[in-house]
PDB file of N, CA and C in Angstrom:
ATOM      1  N   UNK A   1       0.909  -1.392   0.093  1.00  0.00           N
ATOM      2  CA  UNK A   1       0.161   0.052   0.011  1.00  0.00           C
ATOM      3  C   UNK A   1       0.779   1.111   0.045  1.00  0.00           C
ATOM      4  N   UNK A   2       1.928   1.241   0.726  1.00  0.00           N
ATOM      5  CA  UNK A   2       2.670   2.418   1.001  1.00  0.00           C
ATOM      6  C   UNK A   2       3.501   2.598  -0.365  1.00  0.00           C
ATOM      7  N   UNK A   3       4.008   1.691  -1.329  1.00  0.00           N
ATOM      8  CA  UNK A   3       4.597   1.608  -2.219  1.00  0.00           C
ATOM      9  C   UNK A   3       3.524   2.421  -3.292  1.00  0.00           C
ATOM     10  N   UNK A   4       2.311   1.965  -3.541  1.00  0.00           N
ATOM     11  CA  UNK A   4       1.278   2.462  -4.393  1.00  0.00           C
ATOM     12  C   UNK A   4       1.259   3.996  -4.238  1.00  0.00           C
ATOM     13  N   UNK A   5       1.016   4.600  -2.810  1.00  0.00           N
ATOM     14  CA  UNK A   5       0.655   5.833  -2.614  1.00  0.00           C
ATOM     15  C   UNK A   5       2.118   6.771  -3.014  1.00  0.00           C
ATOM     16  N   UNK A   6       3.120   5.915  -3.136  1.00  0.00           N
ATOM     17  CA  UNK A   6       4.468   6.870  -3.042  1.00  0.00           C
ATOM     18  C   UNK A   6       4.560   6.570  -4.774  1.00  0.00           C
ATOM     19  N   UNK A   7       4.019   5.665  -5.414  1.00  0.00           N
ATOM     20  CA  UNK A   7       4.318   5.927  -6.999  1.00  0.00           C
ATOM     21  C   UNK A   7       3.153   6.699  -7.488  1.00  0.00           C
ATOM     22  N   UNK A   8       1.999   6.886  -6.989  1.00  0.00           N
ATOM     23  CA  UNK A   8       0.994   7.851  -7.416  1.00  0.00           C
ATOM     24  C   UNK A   8       1.456   9.268  -7.168  1.00  0.00           C
ATOM     25  N   UNK A   9       2.149   9.541  -5.879  1.00  0.00           N
ATOM     26  CA  UNK A   9       2.820  10.839  -5.753  1.00  0.00           C
ATOM     27  C   UNK A   9       3.740  11.090  -6.854  1.00  0.00           C
ATOM     28  N   UNK A  10       4.465  10.197  -7.088  1.00  0.00           N
ATOM     29  CA  UNK A  10       5.593  10.634  -8.067  1.00  0.00           C
ATOM     30  C   UNK A  10       5.201  10.749  -9.437  1.00  0.00           C
ATOM     31  N   UNK A  11       3.902  10.025  -9.798  1.00  0.00           N
ATOM     32  CA  UNK A  11       3.251  10.174 -11.151  1.00  0.00           C
ATOM     33  C   UNK A  11       2.693  11.621 -10.963  1.00  0.00           C
ATOM     34  N   UNK A  12       2.232  12.027 -10.218  1.00  0.00           N
ATOM     35  CA  UNK A  12       1.682  13.112  -9.843  1.00  0.00           C
ATOM     36  C   UNK A  12       2.375  14.483 -10.039  1.00  0.00           C
ATOM     37  N   UNK A  13       3.493  14.598  -9.219  1.00  0.00           N
ATOM     38  CA  UNK A  13       4.800  15.377  -9.270  1.00  0.00           C
ATOM     39  C   UNK A  13       5.137  15.710 -10.914  1.00  0.00           C
ATOM     40  N   UNK A  14       5.271  14.281 -11.861  1.00  0.00           N
ATOM     41  CA  UNK A  14       5.985  14.153 -12.921  1.00  0.00           C
ATOM     42  C   UNK A  14       4.735  14.978 -14.081  1.00  0.00           C
ATOM     43  N   UNK A  15       3.419  14.675 -13.810  1.00  0.00           N
ATOM     44  CA  UNK A  15       2.493  15.488 -14.419  1.00  0.00           C
ATOM     45  C   UNK A  15       2.729  16.915 -14.342  1.00  0.00           C
ATOM     46  N   UNK A  16       2.706  17.253 -13.107  1.00  0.00           N
ATOM     47  CA  UNK A  16       3.011  18.614 -12.525  1.00  0.00           C
ATOM     48  C   UNK A  16       4.006  19.380 -13.331  1.00  0.00           C
ATOM     49  N   UNK A  17       5.010  18.883 -13.349  1.00  0.00           N
ATOM     50  CA  UNK A  17       6.415  19.132 -13.689  1.00  0.00           C
ATOM     51  C   UNK A  17       6.249  19.393 -15.505  1.00  0.00           C
ATOM     52  N   UNK A  18       5.289  18.441 -16.130  1.00  0.00           N
ATOM     53  CA  UNK A  18       5.334  18.689 -17.288  1.00  0.00           C
ATOM     54  C   UNK A  18       4.268  19.787 -17.811  1.00  0.00           C
ATOM     55  N   UNK A  19       3.497  19.860 -17.060  1.00  0.00           N
ATOM     56  CA  UNK A  19       2.686  21.337 -16.984  1.00  0.00           C
ATOM     57  C   UNK A  19       3.076  22.425 -17.055  1.00  0.00           C
ATOM     58  N   UNK A  20       4.130  22.364 -15.672  1.00  0.00           N
ATOM     59  CA  UNK A  20       4.883  23.576 -15.713  1.00  0.00           C
ATOM     60  C   UNK A  20       5.790  24.033 -17.025  1.00  0.00           C
ATOM     61  N   UNK A  21       6.566  23.040 -17.532  1.00  0.00           N
ATOM     62  CA  UNK A  21       7.343  22.999 -18.671  1.00  0.00           C
ATOM     63  C   UNK A  21       6.510  23.476 -20.077  1.00  0.00           C
ATOM     64  N   UNK A  22       5.499  22.843 -20.048  1.00  0.00           N
ATOM     65  CA  UNK A  22       4.687  23.182 -21.084  1.00  0.00           C
ATOM     66  C   UNK A  22       3.946  24.598 -21.012  1.00  0.00           C
ATOM     67  N   UNK A  23       3.534  25.215 -19.773  1.00  0.00           N
ATOM     68  CA  UNK A  23       3.059  26.414 -19.897  1.00  0.00           C
ATOM     69  C   UNK A  23       4.393  27.419 -20.238  1.00  0.00           C
ATOM     70  N   UNK A  24       5.480  27.132 -19.457  1.00  0.00           N
ATOM     71  CA  UNK A  24       6.539  27.794 -19.679  1.00  0.00           C
ATOM     72  C   UNK A  24       6.953  28.033 -21.266  1.00  0.00           C
ATOM     73  N   UNK A  25       7.048  26.742 -21.828  1.00  0.00           N
ATOM     74  CA  UNK A  25       7.544  27.278 -23.411  1.00  0.00           C
ATOM     75  C   UNK A  25       6.658  27.793 -24.213  1.00  0.00           C
ATOM     76  N   UNK A  26       5.263  27.609 -23.875  1.00  0.00           N
ATOM     77  CA  UNK A  26       4.063  28.394 -24.278  1.00  0.00           C
ATOM     78  C   UNK A  26       4.333  29.902 -23.810  1.00  0.00           C
ATOM     79  N   UNK A  27       4.682  30.279 -22.879  1.00  0.00           N
ATOM     80  CA  UNK A  27       4.870  31.527 -22.704  1.00  0.00           C
ATOM     81  C   UNK A  27       5.856  32.223 -23.262  1.00  0.00           C
ATOM     82  N   UNK A  28       7.146  31.459 -23.387  1.00  0.00           N
ATOM     83  CA  UNK A  28       8.174  31.809 -23.820  1.00  0.00           C
ATOM     84  C   UNK A  28       8.375  31.861 -25.261  1.00  0.00           C
ATOM     85  N   UNK A  29       7.603  31.103 -25.783  1.00  0.00           N
ATOM     86  CA  UNK A  29       7.250  31.595 -27.331  1.00  0.00           C
ATOM     87  C   UNK A  29       6.554  32.747 -27.854  1.00  0.00           C
ATOM     88  N   UNK A  30       5.599  33.063 -26.923  1.00  0.00           N
ATOM     89  CA  UNK A  30       4.898  34.183 -27.137  1.00  0.00           C
ATOM     90  C   UNK A  30       5.440  35.586 -26.647  1.00  0.00           C
ATOM     91  N   UNK A  31       6.630  35.369 -25.713  1.00  0.00           N
ATOM     92  CA  UNK A  31       7.234  37.028 -25.385  1.00  0.00           C
ATOM     93  C   UNK A  31       7.901  37.430 -26.531  1.00  0.00           C
ATOM     94  N   UNK A  32       7.745  38.427 -26.531  1.00  0.00           N
ATOM     95  CA  UNK A  32       8.577  39.239 -27.451  1.00  0.00           C
ATOM     96  C   UNK A  32       9.469  40.436 -27.030  1.00  0.00           C
ATOM     97  N   UNK A  33       9.662  40.352 -25.721  1.00  0.00           N
ATOM     98  CA  UNK A  33      10.621  41.036 -24.981  1.00  0.00           C
ATOM     99  C   UNK A  33      11.426  40.664 -23.568  1.00  0.00           C
ATOM    100  N   UNK A  34      11.994  41.522 -23.103  1.00  0.00           N
ATOM    101  CA  UNK A  34      12.495  41.286 -21.623  1.00  0.00           C
ATOM    102  C   UNK A  34      11.452  40.778 -20.751  1.00  0.00           C
ATOM    103  N   UNK A  35      10.377  41.842 -20.716  1.00  0.00           N
ATOM    104  CA  UNK A  35       9.220  41.624 -19.671  1.00  0.00           C
ATOM    105  C   UNK A  35       8.651  40.353 -19.940  1.00  0.00           C
ATOM    106  N   UNK A  36       8.431  39.932 -21.335  1.00  0.00           N
ATOM    107  CA  UNK A  36       7.832  38.659 -21.692  1.00  0.00           C
ATOM    108  C   UNK A  36       8.625  37.577 -21.091  1.00  0.00           C
ATOM    109  N   UNK A  37       9.816  37.589 -21.146  1.00  0.00           N
ATOM    110  CA  UNK A  37      10.782  36.652 -20.707  1.00  0.00           C
ATOM    111  C   UNK A  37      11.124  36.163 -19.542  1.00  0.00           C
ATOM    112  N   UNK A  38      10.927  37.499 -18.733  1.00  0.00           N
ATOM    113  CA  UNK A  38      10.801  37.628 -17.310  1.00  0.00           C
ATOM    114  C   UNK A  38       9.606  36.911 -16.550  1.00  0.00           C
ATOM    115  N   UNK A  39       8.349  37.440 -17.325  1.00  0.00           N
ATOM    116  CA  UNK A  39       7.205  36.574 -16.754  1.00  0.00           C
ATOM    117  C   UNK A  39       7.152  35.338 -16.999  1.00  0.00           C
ATOM    118  N   UNK A  40       7.779  34.646 -18.176  1.00  0.00           N
ATOM    119  CA  UNK A  40       7.619  33.091 -18.318  1.00  0.00           C
ATOM    120  C   UNK A  40       8.499  32.594 -17.236  1.00  0.00           C
ATOM    121  N   UNK A  41       9.743  33.089 -17.161  1.00  0.00           N
ATOM    122  CA  UNK A  41      10.538  32.651 -16.006  1.00  0.00           C
ATOM    123  C   UNK A  41       9.798  32.587 -14.605  1.00  0.00           C
ATOM    124  N   UNK A  42       9.292  33.573 -14.269  1.00  0.00           N
ATOM    125  CA  UNK A  42       8.631  33.596 -13.179  1.00  0.00           C
ATOM    126  C   UNK A  42       7.418  32.954 -12.830  1.00  0.00           C
ATOM    127  N   UNK A  43       6.979  32.741 -13.899  1.00  0.00           N
ATOM    128  CA  UNK A  43       5.701  31.711 -13.870  1.00  0.00           C
ATOM    129  C   UNK A  43       6.254  30.110 -13.406  1.00  0.00           C
ATOM    130  N   UNK A  44       7.278  29.959 -14.273  1.00  0.00           N
ATOM    131  CA  UNK A  44       7.821  28.606 -14.012  1.00  0.00           C
ATOM    132  C   UNK A  44       8.555  28.388 -12.623  1.00  0.00           C
ATOM    133  N   UNK A  45       9.274  29.318 -12.083  1.00  0.00           N
ATOM    134  CA  UNK A  45       9.987  29.629 -11.017  1.00  0.00           C
ATOM    135  C   UNK A  45       8.814  29.323  -9.742  1.00  0.00           C
ATOM    136  N   UNK A  46       7.521  29.814  -9.912  1.00  0.00           N
ATOM    137  CA  UNK A  46       6.445  29.892  -9.080  1.00  0.00           C
ATOM    138  C   UNK A  46       5.907  28.649  -9.017  1.00  0.00           C
ATOM    139  N   UNK A  47       5.762  27.934 -10.112  1.00  0.00           N
ATOM    140  CA  UNK A  47       5.301  26.638 -10.387  1.00  0.00           C
ATOM    141  C   UNK A  47       6.218  25.711  -9.490  1.00  0.00           C
ATOM    142  N   UNK A  48       7.416  25.742  -9.436  1.00  0.00           N
ATOM    143  CA  UNK A  48       8.186  24.935  -9.113  1.00  0.00           C
ATOM    144  C   UNK A  48       8.722  25.447  -7.474  1.00  0.00           C
ATOM    145  N   UNK A  49       7.850  26.135  -7.034  1.00  0.00           N
ATOM    146  CA  UNK A  49       7.954  26.663  -5.623  1.00  0.00           C
ATOM    147  C   UNK A  49       9.236  27.351  -5.315  1.00  0.00           C
ATOM    148  N   UNK A  50      10.021  27.862  -6.474  1.00  0.00           N
ATOM    149  CA  UNK A  50      11.214  28.716  -6.169  1.00  0.00           C
ATOM    150  C   UNK A  50      11.031  30.311  -6.202  1.00  0.00           C
ATOM    151  N   UNK A  51      11.448  31.023  -4.976  1.00  0.00           N
ATOM    152  CA  UNK A  51      11.193  32.353  -4.772  1.00  0.00           C
ATOM    153  C   UNK A  51      12.187  33.373  -5.811  1.00  0.00           C
ATOM    154  N   UNK A  52      12.972  32.830  -6.254  1.00  0.00           N
ATOM    155  CA  UNK A  52      13.751  33.664  -7.139  1.00  0.00           C
ATOM    156  C   UNK A  52      14.200  32.707  -8.360  1.00  0.00           C
ATOM    157  N   UNK A  53      14.870  33.199  -9.383  1.00  0.00           N
ATOM    158  CA  UNK A  53      15.385  32.830 -10.321  1.00  0.00           C
ATOM    159  C   UNK A  53      16.546  33.396 -10.991  1.00  0.00           C
ATOM    160  N   UNK A  54      17.697  33.022 -11.843  1.00  0.00           N
ATOM    161  CA  UNK A  54      18.737  33.884 -12.351  1.00  0.00           C
ATOM    162  C   UNK A  54      18.852  33.585 -13.754  1.00  0.00           C
ATOM    163  N   UNK A  55      19.163  34.599 -14.421  1.00  0.00           N
ATOM    164  CA  UNK A  55      19.107  34.607 -15.905  1.00  0.00           C
ATOM    165  C   UNK A  55      20.336  35.710 -16.028  1.00  0.00           C
ATOM    166  N   UNK A  56      21.262  35.491 -16.494  1.00  0.00           N
ATOM    167  CA  UNK A  56      22.360  36.458 -16.844  1.00  0.00           C
ATOM    168  C   UNK A  56      22.207  37.093 -18.023  1.00  0.00           C
ATOM    169  N   UNK A  57      22.052  38.368 -18.590  1.00  0.00           N
ATOM    170  CA  UNK A  57      22.223  38.528 -19.635  1.00  0.00           C
ATOM    171  C   UNK A  57      23.250  39.612 -19.653  1.00  0.00           C
ATOM    172  N   UNK A  58      24.520  39.239 -20.850  1.00  0.00           N
ATOM    173  CA  UNK A  58      25.663  40.235 -21.009  1.00  0.00           C
ATOM    174  C   UNK A  58      25.183  41.158 -22.399  1.00  0.00           C
ATOM    175  N   UNK A  59      25.818  42.114 -22.005  1.00  0.00           N
ATOM    176  CA  UNK A  59      25.642  43.309 -23.248  1.00  0.00           C
ATOM    177  C   UNK A  59      26.553  42.873 -24.155  1.00  0.00           C
ATOM    178  N   UNK A  60      26.061  43.290 -25.664  1.00  0.00           N
ATOM    179  CA  UNK A  60      26.715  43.171 -26.567  1.00  0.00           C
ATOM    180  C   UNK A  60      28.047  43.913 -26.847  1.00  0.00           C
ATOM    181  N   UNK A  61      27.904  45.266 -26.062  1.00  0.00           N
ATOM    182  CA  UNK A  61      29.006  46.039 -25.912  1.00  0.00           C
ATOM    183  C   UNK A  61      29.424  45.933 -24.691  1.00  0.00           C
ATOM    184  N   UNK A  62      30.958  46.183 -24.403  1.00  0.00           N
ATOM    185  CA  UNK A  62      31.484  46.291 -23.177  1.00  0.00           C
ATOM    186  C   UNK A  62      31.011  47.216 -22.224  1.00  0.00           C
ATOM    187  N   UNK A  63      30.462  48.244 -22.816  1.00  0.00           N
ATOM    188  CA  UNK A  63      30.034  49.832 -22.146  1.00  0.00           C
ATOM    189  C   UNK A  63      28.512  49.038 -21.713  1.00  0.00           C
ATOM    190  N   UNK A  64      28.066  48.156 -22.121  1.00  0.00           N
ATOM    191  CA  UNK A  64      26.704  48.064 -21.463  1.00  0.00           C
ATOM    192  C   UNK A  64      26.948  47.422 -20.158  1.00  0.00           C
ATOM    193  N   UNK A  65      25.687  47.016 -19.476  1.00  0.00           N
ATOM    194  CA  UNK A  65      25.501  46.656 -18.038  1.00  0.00           C
ATOM    195  C   UNK A  65      24.850  45.169 -18.412  1.00  0.00           C
ATOM    196  N   UNK A  66      25.333  44.439 -17.807  1.00  0.00           N
ATOM    197  CA  UNK A  66      24.816  42.912 -17.604  1.00  0.00           C
ATOM    198  C   UNK A  66      23.760  42.968 -16.693  1.00  0.00           C
ATOM    199  N   UNK A  67      22.547  42.141 -16.705  1.00  0.00           N
ATOM    200  CA  UNK A  67      21.252  42.075 -16.194  1.00  0.00           C
ATOM    201  C   UNK A  67      21.149  40.673 -15.324  1.00  0.00           C
ATOM    202  N   UNK A  68      21.086  40.723 -14.049  1.00  0.00           N
ATOM    203  CA  UNK A  68      20.584  39.462 -13.357  1.00  0.00           C
ATOM    204  C   UNK A  68      19.377  39.776 -12.942  1.00  0.00           C
ATOM    205  N   UNK A  69      18.359  38.731 -13.513  1.00  0.00           N
ATOM    206  CA  UNK A  69      16.871  39.006 -13.310  1.00  0.00           C
ATOM    207  C   UNK A  69      16.487  38.236 -12.127  1.00  0.00           C
ATOM    208  N   UNK A  70      15.560  39.067 -11.299  1.00  0.00           N
ATOM    209  CA  UNK A  70      14.896  38.604 -10.382  1.00  0.00           C
ATOM    210  C   UNK A  70      15.402  38.045  -8.950  1.00  0.00           C
ATOM    211  N   UNK A  71      16.675  38.561  -8.850  1.00  0.00           N
ATOM    212  CA  UNK A  71      17.342  38.205  -7.830  1.00  0.00           C
ATOM    213  C   UNK A  71      17.272  39.380  -6.469  1.00  0.00           C
ATOM    214  N   UNK A  72      17.328  39.201  -5.127  1.00  0.00           N
ATOM    215  CA  UNK A  72      17.013  40.707  -4.470  1.00  0.00           C
ATOM    216  C   UNK A  72      18.128  41.609  -5.116  1.00  0.00           C
ATOM    217  N   UNK A  73      17.887  42.942  -4.969  1.00  0.00           N
ATOM    218  CA  UNK A  73      18.741  43.989  -5.148  1.00  0.00           C
ATOM    219  C   UNK A  73      19.968  43.761  -4.760  1.00  0.00           C
ATOM    220  N   UNK A  74      20.167  43.659  -3.233  1.00  0.00           N
ATOM    221  CA  UNK A  74      21.486  43.777  -2.901  1.00  0.00           C
ATOM    222  C   UNK A  74      22.209  42.265  -3.448  1.00  0.00           C
ATOM    223  N   UNK A  75      21.831  41.415  -3.617  1.00  0.00           N
ATOM    224  CA  UNK A  75      22.750  40.243  -4.178  1.00  0.00           C
ATOM    225  C   UNK A  75      22.881  40.553  -5.748  1.00  0.00           C
ATOM    226  N   UNK A  76      22.138  40.951  -6.569  1.00  0.00           N
ATOM    227  CA  UNK A  76      22.399  41.520  -7.558  1.00  0.00           C
ATOM    228  C   UNK A  76      23.475  42.425  -8.065  1.00  0.00           C
ATOM    229  N   UNK A  77      23.389  43.552  -6.949  1.00  0.00           N
ATOM    230  CA  UNK A  77      24.538  44.483  -7.111  1.00  0.00           C
ATOM    231  C   UNK A  77      25.755  43.871  -6.516  1.00  0.00           C
ATOM    232  N   UNK A  78      25.931  43.071  -5.696  1.00  0.00           N
ATOM    233  CA  UNK A  78      27.009  42.625  -5.138  1.00  0.00           C
ATOM    234  C   UNK A  78      27.751  41.723  -6.554  1.00  0.00           C
ATOM    235  N   UNK A  79      26.960  40.705  -7.093  1.00  0.00           N
ATOM    236  CA  UNK A  79      27.029  39.832  -7.991  1.00  0.00           C
ATOM    237  C   UNK A  79      27.708  40.662  -9.339  1.00  0.00           C
ATOM    238  N   UNK A  80      27.068  41.576  -9.621  1.00  0.00           N
ATOM    239  CA  UNK A  80      27.833  42.605 -10.769  1.00  0.00           C
ATOM    240  C   UNK A  80      29.077  43.360 -10.188  1.00  0.00           C
ATOM    241  N   UNK A  81      28.936  44.030  -9.315  1.00  0.00           N
ATOM    242  CA  UNK A  81      30.171  44.407  -8.677  1.00  0.00           C
ATOM    243  C   UNK A  81      31.454  43.816  -8.647  1.00  0.00           C
ATOM    244  N   UNK A  82      31.111  42.612  -8.305  1.00  0.00           N
ATOM    245  CA  UNK A  82      32.344  41.463  -8.028  1.00  0.00           C
ATOM    246  C   UNK A  82      32.490  40.837  -9.467  1.00  0.00           C
ATOM    247  N   UNK A  83      31.750  41.154 -10.370  1.00  0.00           N
ATOM    248  CA  UNK A  83      32.035  40.369 -11.560  1.00  0.00           C
ATOM    249  C   UNK A  83      31.714  39.005 -11.455  1.00  0.00           C
ATOM    250  N   UNK A  84      31.085  38.386 -10.562  1.00  0.00           N
ATOM    251  CA  UNK A  84      31.049  36.841 -10.605  1.00  0.00           C
ATOM    252  C   UNK A  84      30.482  36.282 -11.824  1.00  0.00           C
ATOM    253  N   UNK A  85      29.813  36.957 -12.689  1.00  0.00           N
ATOM    254  CA  UNK A  85      29.870  36.300 -13.970  1.00  0.00           C
ATOM    255  C   UNK A  85      30.943  35.836 -14.923  1.00  0.00           C
ATOM    256  N   UNK A  86      32.141  36.259 -14.474  1.00  0.00           N
ATOM    257  CA  UNK A  86      33.348  35.766 -15.235  1.00  0.00           C
ATOM    258  C   UNK A  86      33.578  34.503 -14.560  1.00  0.00           C
ATOM    259  N   UNK A  87      33.298  34.272 -13.415  1.00  0.00           N
ATOM    260  CA  UNK A  87      33.771  32.774 -12.920  1.00  0.00           C
ATOM    261  C   UNK A  87      32.452  32.012 -12.580  1.00  0.00           C
ATOM    262  N   UNK A  88      31.157  32.466 -12.564  1.00  0.00           N
ATOM    263  CA  UNK A  88      30.267  31.397 -12.215  1.00  0.00           C
ATOM    264  C   UNK A  88      29.964  30.648 -13.446  1.00  0.00           C
ATOM    265  N   UNK A  89      29.977  29.125 -13.230  1.00  0.00           N
ATOM    266  CA  UNK A  89      29.777  28.126 -14.138  1.00  0.00           C
ATOM    267  C   UNK A  89      28.722  27.950 -14.626  1.00  0.00           C
ATOM    268  N   UNK A  90      27.459  28.541 -14.104  1.00  0.00           N
ATOM    269  CA  UNK A  90      26.193  28.237 -14.554  1.00  0.00           C
ATOM    270  C   UNK A  90      26.160  29.329 -15.801  1.00  0.00           C
TER     271      UNK A  90
END
């Protein structure tokens, strides 16, 4: 009986993950700007019960400023000030 409950739970989580991914991909394909992308990412993060997500964008020119999306402002400032993007493996 316990194994059945566990497998049912795993199957439910698997289906939930597919739904989150499907919604994310749909929103992503419909996004036309950074705001749309951010909304798609935020929706997926919320569906996965994550408070924040990171996506680093590097500017095409050196004079531009990189962006780190949806992290608390103090951490983002520290990350960019210390240029962690140069050594961050992700």
